[in-house]
């Protein structure tokens, strides 16, 4: 299990007031990025290697994802 004690969580600035249907990201940890449901902050988290997270974000920004 990954130690997330020092995680600093944040939501996207694009998160509206939509009843909390958002995710939070902690990208201040060494070598990983953690993601959790903003409505269930004590619930499960997903962790990604920093490189994989950066590749996903880059693909989203460039509209490089296909269905």
PDB file of N, CA and C in Angstrom:
ATOM      1  N   UNK A   1       0.838  -1.173   0.000  1.00  0.00           N
ATOM      2  CA  UNK A   1       0.000   0.000   0.000  1.00  0.00           C
ATOM      3  C   UNK A   1       0.891   1.247   0.000  1.00  0.00           C
ATOM      4  N   UNK A   2       0.511   2.240  -0.774  1.00  0.00           N
ATOM      5  CA  UNK A   2       1.275   3.470  -0.897  1.00  0.00           C
ATOM      6  C   UNK A   2       0.961   4.415   0.262  1.00  0.00           C
ATOM      7  N   UNK A   3       1.988   5.002   0.838  1.00  0.00           N
ATOM      8  CA  UNK A   3       1.806   5.953   1.926  1.00  0.00           C
ATOM      9  C   UNK A   3       1.436   7.319   1.343  1.00  0.00           C
ATOM     10  N   UNK A   4       0.224   7.767   1.633  1.00  0.00           N
ATOM     11  CA  UNK A   4      -0.263   9.047   1.117  1.00  0.00           C
ATOM     12  C   UNK A   4      -0.336  10.107   2.213  1.00  0.00           C
ATOM     13  N   UNK A   5       0.403   9.902   3.302  1.00  0.00           N
ATOM     14  CA  UNK A   5       0.353  10.807   4.448  1.00  0.00           C
ATOM     15  C   UNK A   5       0.623  12.257   4.063  1.00  0.00           C
ATOM     16  N   UNK A   6       1.575  12.506   3.211  1.00  0.00           N
ATOM     17  CA  UNK A   6       1.936  13.870   2.843  1.00  0.00           C
ATOM     18  C   UNK A   6       1.199  14.411   1.633  1.00  0.00           C
ATOM     19  N   UNK A   7       0.181  13.699   1.164  1.00  0.00           N
ATOM     20  CA  UNK A   7      -0.526  14.113  -0.044  1.00  0.00           C
ATOM     21  C   UNK A   7      -1.225  15.452   0.155  1.00  0.00           C
ATOM     22  N   UNK A   8      -1.074  16.329  -0.829  1.00  0.00           N
ATOM     23  CA  UNK A   8      -1.796  17.597  -0.861  1.00  0.00           C
ATOM     24  C   UNK A   8      -2.799  17.489  -2.000  1.00  0.00           C
ATOM     25  N   UNK A   9      -4.066  17.417  -1.652  1.00  0.00           N
ATOM     26  CA  UNK A   9      -5.135  17.163  -2.615  1.00  0.00           C
ATOM     27  C   UNK A   9      -5.669  18.464  -3.192  1.00  0.00           C
ATOM     28  N   UNK A  10      -6.026  18.416  -4.488  1.00  0.00           N
ATOM     29  CA  UNK A  10      -6.629  19.583  -5.135  1.00  0.00           C
ATOM     30  C   UNK A  10      -7.622  19.125  -6.196  1.00  0.00           C
ATOM     31  N   UNK A  11      -8.618  19.964  -6.432  1.00  0.00           N
ATOM     32  CA  UNK A  11      -9.583  19.727  -7.508  1.00  0.00           C
ATOM     33  C   UNK A  11      -9.257  20.662  -8.663  1.00  0.00           C
ATOM     34  N   UNK A  12      -9.703  20.297  -9.818  1.00  0.00           N
ATOM     35  CA  UNK A  12      -9.508  21.138 -10.987  1.00  0.00           C
ATOM     36  C   UNK A  12     -10.214  22.474 -10.797  1.00  0.00           C
ATOM     37  N   UNK A  13      -9.619  23.513 -11.334  1.00  0.00           N
ATOM     38  CA  UNK A  13     -10.276  24.817 -11.299  1.00  0.00           C
ATOM     39  C   UNK A  13     -11.524  24.817 -12.179  1.00  0.00           C
ATOM     40  N   UNK A  14     -11.650  23.832 -13.038  1.00  0.00           N
ATOM     41  CA  UNK A  14     -12.830  23.714 -13.892  1.00  0.00           C
ATOM     42  C   UNK A  14     -13.964  22.946 -13.213  1.00  0.00           C
ATOM     43  N   UNK A  15     -13.731  22.461 -12.022  1.00  0.00           N
ATOM     44  CA  UNK A  15     -14.779  21.760 -11.283  1.00  0.00           C
ATOM     45  C   UNK A  15     -15.843  22.764 -10.881  1.00  0.00           C
ATOM     46  N   UNK A  16     -17.020  22.539 -11.354  1.00  0.00           N
ATOM     47  CA  UNK A  16     -18.122  23.451 -11.040  1.00  0.00           C
ATOM     48  C   UNK A  16     -18.820  23.057  -9.758  1.00  0.00           C
ATOM     49  N   UNK A  17     -19.937  23.654  -9.538  1.00  0.00           N
ATOM     50  CA  UNK A  17     -20.758  23.350  -8.374  1.00  0.00           C
ATOM     51  C   UNK A  17     -21.792  22.310  -8.787  1.00  0.00           C
ATOM     52  N   UNK A  18     -21.302  21.138  -9.164  1.00  0.00           N
ATOM     53  CA  UNK A  18     -22.162  20.106  -9.742  1.00  0.00           C
ATOM     54  C   UNK A  18     -22.490  18.983  -8.758  1.00  0.00           C
ATOM     55  N   UNK A  19     -22.560  19.278  -7.504  1.00  0.00           N
ATOM     56  CA  UNK A  19     -22.898  18.254  -6.521  1.00  0.00           C
ATOM     57  C   UNK A  19     -21.729  17.380  -6.117  1.00  0.00           C
ATOM     58  N   UNK A  20     -20.530  17.764  -6.462  1.00  0.00           N
ATOM     59  CA  UNK A  20     -19.355  17.031  -6.006  1.00  0.00           C
ATOM     60  C   UNK A  20     -18.907  15.903  -6.903  1.00  0.00           C
ATOM     61  N   UNK A  21     -19.370  15.860  -8.133  1.00  0.00           N
ATOM     62  CA  UNK A  21     -18.957  14.807  -9.062  1.00  0.00           C
ATOM     63  C   UNK A  21     -17.572  15.123  -9.620  1.00  0.00           C
ATOM     64  N   UNK A  22     -16.587  15.104  -8.744  1.00  0.00           N
ATOM     65  CA  UNK A  22     -15.234  15.490  -9.139  1.00  0.00           C
ATOM     66  C   UNK A  22     -14.219  14.487  -8.592  1.00  0.00           C
ATOM     67  N   UNK A  23     -13.037  14.571  -9.122  1.00  0.00           N
ATOM     68  CA  UNK A  23     -11.920  13.836  -8.552  1.00  0.00           C
ATOM     69  C   UNK A  23     -10.925  14.840  -8.009  1.00  0.00           C
ATOM     70  N   UNK A  24     -10.122  14.395  -7.063  1.00  0.00           N
ATOM     71  CA  UNK A  24      -9.039  15.197  -6.517  1.00  0.00           C
ATOM     72  C   UNK A  24      -7.731  14.508  -6.860  1.00  0.00           C
ATOM     73  N   UNK A  25      -6.697  15.305  -7.065  1.00  0.00           N
ATOM     74  CA  UNK A  25      -5.392  14.795  -7.458  1.00  0.00           C
ATOM     75  C   UNK A  25      -4.351  15.289  -6.463  1.00  0.00           C
ATOM     76  N   UNK A  26      -3.441  14.412  -6.101  1.00  0.00           N
ATOM     77  CA  UNK A  26      -2.272  14.786  -5.298  1.00  0.00           C
ATOM     78  C   UNK A  26      -1.049  14.482  -6.148  1.00  0.00           C
ATOM     79  N   UNK A  27      -0.373  15.538  -6.578  1.00  0.00           N
ATOM     80  CA  UNK A  27       0.793  15.341  -7.448  1.00  0.00           C
ATOM     81  C   UNK A  27       2.075  15.844  -6.803  1.00  0.00           C
ATOM     82  N   UNK A  28       2.072  15.925  -5.484  1.00  0.00           N
ATOM     83  CA  UNK A  28       3.258  16.392  -4.766  1.00  0.00           C
ATOM     84  C   UNK A  28       4.095  15.257  -4.181  1.00  0.00           C
ATOM     85  N   UNK A  29       3.728  14.032  -4.460  1.00  0.00           N
ATOM     86  CA  UNK A  29       4.421  12.877  -3.897  1.00  0.00           C
ATOM     87  C   UNK A  29       5.529  12.400  -4.835  1.00  0.00           C
ATOM     88  N   UNK A  30       6.603  11.843  -4.287  1.00  0.00           N
ATOM     89  CA  UNK A  30       7.702  11.390  -5.152  1.00  0.00           C
ATOM     90  C   UNK A  30       7.281  10.225  -6.051  1.00  0.00           C
ATOM     91  N   UNK A  31       7.427  10.399  -7.331  1.00  0.00           N
ATOM     92  CA  UNK A  31       7.272   9.340  -8.343  1.00  0.00           C
ATOM     93  C   UNK A  31       5.842   8.878  -8.592  1.00  0.00           C
ATOM     94  N   UNK A  32       4.847   9.393  -7.867  1.00  0.00           N
ATOM     95  CA  UNK A  32       3.470   8.952  -8.103  1.00  0.00           C
ATOM     96  C   UNK A  32       2.508  10.137  -8.095  1.00  0.00           C
ATOM     97  N   UNK A  33       1.346   9.902  -8.694  1.00  0.00           N
ATOM     98  CA  UNK A  33       0.220  10.825  -8.622  1.00  0.00           C
ATOM     99  C   UNK A  33      -0.948  10.007  -8.097  1.00  0.00           C
ATOM    100  N   UNK A  34      -1.639  10.540  -7.097  1.00  0.00           N
ATOM    101  CA  UNK A  34      -2.772   9.845  -6.501  1.00  0.00           C
ATOM    102  C   UNK A  34      -4.062  10.550  -6.905  1.00  0.00           C
ATOM    103  N   UNK A  35      -5.124   9.768  -7.094  1.00  0.00           N
ATOM    104  CA  UNK A  35      -6.424  10.289  -7.505  1.00  0.00           C
ATOM    105  C   UNK A  35      -7.479   9.671  -6.596  1.00  0.00           C
ATOM    106  N   UNK A  36      -8.443  10.502  -6.166  1.00  0.00           N
ATOM    107  CA  UNK A  36      -9.533   9.999  -5.326  1.00  0.00           C
ATOM    108  C   UNK A  36     -10.828  10.731  -5.668  1.00  0.00           C
ATOM    109  N   UNK A  37     -11.935  10.167  -5.221  1.00  0.00           N
ATOM    110  CA  UNK A  37     -13.255  10.753  -5.384  1.00  0.00           C
ATOM    111  C   UNK A  37     -13.424  11.860  -4.351  1.00  0.00           C
ATOM    112  N   UNK A  38     -13.794  13.049  -4.782  1.00  0.00           N
ATOM    113  CA  UNK A  38     -13.919  14.170  -3.847  1.00  0.00           C
ATOM    114  C   UNK A  38     -15.065  13.989  -2.860  1.00  0.00           C
ATOM    115  N   UNK A  39     -16.033  13.129  -3.186  1.00  0.00           N
ATOM    116  CA  UNK A  39     -17.146  12.876  -2.268  1.00  0.00           C
ATOM    117  C   UNK A  39     -16.803  11.831  -1.217  1.00  0.00           C
ATOM    118  N   UNK A  40     -15.733  11.077  -1.427  1.00  0.00           N
ATOM    119  CA  UNK A  40     -15.361   9.986  -0.524  1.00  0.00           C
ATOM    120  C   UNK A  40     -13.858  10.067  -0.242  1.00  0.00           C
ATOM    121  N   UNK A  41     -13.466  11.098   0.495  1.00  0.00           N
ATOM    122  CA  UNK A  41     -12.042  11.353   0.705  1.00  0.00           C
ATOM    123  C   UNK A  41     -11.352  10.290   1.543  1.00  0.00           C
ATOM    124  N   UNK A  42     -12.113   9.492   2.274  1.00  0.00           N
ATOM    125  CA  UNK A  42     -11.529   8.384   3.031  1.00  0.00           C
ATOM    126  C   UNK A  42     -11.604   7.068   2.273  1.00  0.00           C
ATOM    127  N   UNK A  43     -12.152   7.121   1.077  1.00  0.00           N
ATOM    128  CA  UNK A  43     -12.321   5.911   0.270  1.00  0.00           C
ATOM    129  C   UNK A  43     -11.048   5.541  -0.462  1.00  0.00           C
ATOM    130  N   UNK A  44     -11.185   4.652  -1.423  1.00  0.00           N
ATOM    131  CA  UNK A  44     -10.006   4.164  -2.147  1.00  0.00           C
ATOM    132  C   UNK A  44      -9.371   5.250  -3.010  1.00  0.00           C
ATOM    133  N   UNK A  45      -8.110   5.084  -3.290  1.00  0.00           N
ATOM    134  CA  UNK A  45      -7.382   5.976  -4.187  1.00  0.00           C
ATOM    135  C   UNK A  45      -6.734   5.153  -5.286  1.00  0.00           C
ATOM    136  N   UNK A  46      -6.524   5.787  -6.392  1.00  0.00           N
ATOM    137  CA  UNK A  46      -5.764   5.196  -7.484  1.00  0.00           C
ATOM    138  C   UNK A  46      -4.412   5.890  -7.511  1.00  0.00           C
ATOM    139  N   UNK A  47      -3.367   5.161  -7.786  1.00  0.00           N
ATOM    140  CA  UNK A  47      -2.052   5.778  -7.919  1.00  0.00           C
ATOM    141  C   UNK A  47      -1.469   5.427  -9.279  1.00  0.00           C
ATOM    142  N   UNK A  48      -0.783   6.387  -9.834  1.00  0.00           N
ATOM    143  CA  UNK A  48      -0.169   6.248 -11.153  1.00  0.00           C
ATOM    144  C   UNK A  48       1.282   6.679 -11.068  1.00  0.00           C
ATOM    145  N   UNK A  49       2.114   6.070 -11.849  1.00  0.00           N
ATOM    146  CA  UNK A  49       3.482   6.551 -11.992  1.00  0.00           C
ATOM    147  C   UNK A  49       3.412   7.956 -12.576  1.00  0.00           C
ATOM    148  N   UNK A  50       4.260   8.844 -12.102  1.00  0.00           N
ATOM    149  CA  UNK A  50       4.225  10.240 -12.556  1.00  0.00           C
ATOM    150  C   UNK A  50       4.319  10.354 -14.073  1.00  0.00           C
ATOM    151  N   UNK A  51       5.175   9.555 -14.676  1.00  0.00           N
ATOM    152  CA  UNK A  51       5.341   9.586 -16.142  1.00  0.00           C
ATOM    153  C   UNK A  51       4.048   9.197 -16.851  1.00  0.00           C
ATOM    154  N   UNK A  52       3.363   8.178 -16.336  1.00  0.00           N
ATOM    155  CA  UNK A  52       2.107   7.737 -16.946  1.00  0.00           C
ATOM    156  C   UNK A  52       1.039   8.818 -16.805  1.00  0.00           C
ATOM    157  N   UNK A  53       0.978   9.468 -15.653  1.00  0.00           N
ATOM    158  CA  UNK A  53       0.008  10.540 -15.431  1.00  0.00           C
ATOM    159  C   UNK A  53       0.274  11.712 -16.391  1.00  0.00           C
ATOM    160  N   UNK A  54       1.545  12.085 -16.529  1.00  0.00           N
ATOM    161  CA  UNK A  54       1.887  13.190 -17.428  1.00  0.00           C
ATOM    162  C   UNK A  54       1.519  12.852 -18.872  1.00  0.00           C
ATOM    163  N   UNK A  55       1.701  11.603 -19.260  1.00  0.00           N
ATOM    164  CA  UNK A  55       1.335  11.190 -20.619  1.00  0.00           C
ATOM    165  C   UNK A  55      -0.177  11.255 -20.817  1.00  0.00           C
ATOM    166  N   UNK A  56      -0.937  10.845 -19.815  1.00  0.00           N
ATOM    167  CA  UNK A  56      -2.399  10.922 -19.902  1.00  0.00           C
ATOM    168  C   UNK A  56      -2.852  12.371 -20.024  1.00  0.00           C
ATOM    169  N   UNK A  57      -2.341  13.240 -19.179  1.00  0.00           N
ATOM    170  CA  UNK A  57      -2.721  14.655 -19.219  1.00  0.00           C
ATOM    171  C   UNK A  57      -2.345  15.269 -20.568  1.00  0.00           C
ATOM    172  N   UNK A  58      -1.176  14.954 -21.074  1.00  0.00           N
ATOM    173  CA  UNK A  58      -0.750  15.480 -22.374  1.00  0.00           C
ATOM    174  C   UNK A  58      -1.685  14.996 -23.487  1.00  0.00           C
ATOM    175  N   UNK A  59      -2.076  13.732 -23.434  1.00  0.00           N
ATOM    176  CA  UNK A  59      -2.986  13.195 -24.445  1.00  0.00           C
ATOM    177  C   UNK A  59      -4.354  13.879 -24.378  1.00  0.00           C
ATOM    178  N   UNK A  60      -4.825  14.127 -23.184  1.00  0.00           N
ATOM    179  CA  UNK A  60      -6.116  14.807 -23.013  1.00  0.00           C
ATOM    180  C   UNK A  60      -6.029  16.233 -23.563  1.00  0.00           C
ATOM    181  N   UNK A  61      -4.965  16.920 -23.212  1.00  0.00           N
ATOM    182  CA  UNK A  61      -4.801  18.306 -23.664  1.00  0.00           C
ATOM    183  C   UNK A  61      -4.674  18.406 -25.178  1.00  0.00           C
ATOM    184  N   UNK A  62      -4.069  17.423 -25.802  1.00  0.00           N
ATOM    185  CA  UNK A  62      -3.890  17.469 -27.261  1.00  0.00           C
ATOM    186  C   UNK A  62      -5.023  16.765 -27.996  1.00  0.00           C
ATOM    187  N   UNK A  63      -6.036  16.306 -27.227  1.00  0.00           N
ATOM    188  CA  UNK A  63      -7.172  15.586 -27.805  1.00  0.00           C
ATOM    189  C   UNK A  63      -6.694  14.324 -28.511  1.00  0.00           C
ATOM    190  N   UNK A  64      -5.661  13.704 -27.952  1.00  0.00           N
ATOM    191  CA  UNK A  64      -5.081  12.531 -28.567  1.00  0.00           C
ATOM    192  C   UNK A  64      -5.669  11.211 -28.094  1.00  0.00           C
ATOM    193  N   UNK A  65      -6.776  11.255 -27.377  1.00  0.00           N
ATOM    194  CA  UNK A  65      -7.403  10.005 -26.929  1.00  0.00           C
ATOM    195  C   UNK A  65      -8.432   9.575 -27.951  1.00  0.00           C
ATOM    196  N   UNK A  66      -8.511   8.289 -28.192  1.00  0.00           N
ATOM    197  CA  UNK A  66      -9.515   7.767 -29.111  1.00  0.00           C
ATOM    198  C   UNK A  66     -10.428   6.831 -28.351  1.00  0.00           C
ATOM    199  N   UNK A  67     -11.625   6.702 -28.829  1.00  0.00           N
ATOM    200  CA  UNK A  67     -12.584   5.829 -28.136  1.00  0.00           C
ATOM    201  C   UNK A  67     -12.564   4.425 -28.686  1.00  0.00           C
TER     202      UNK A  67
END
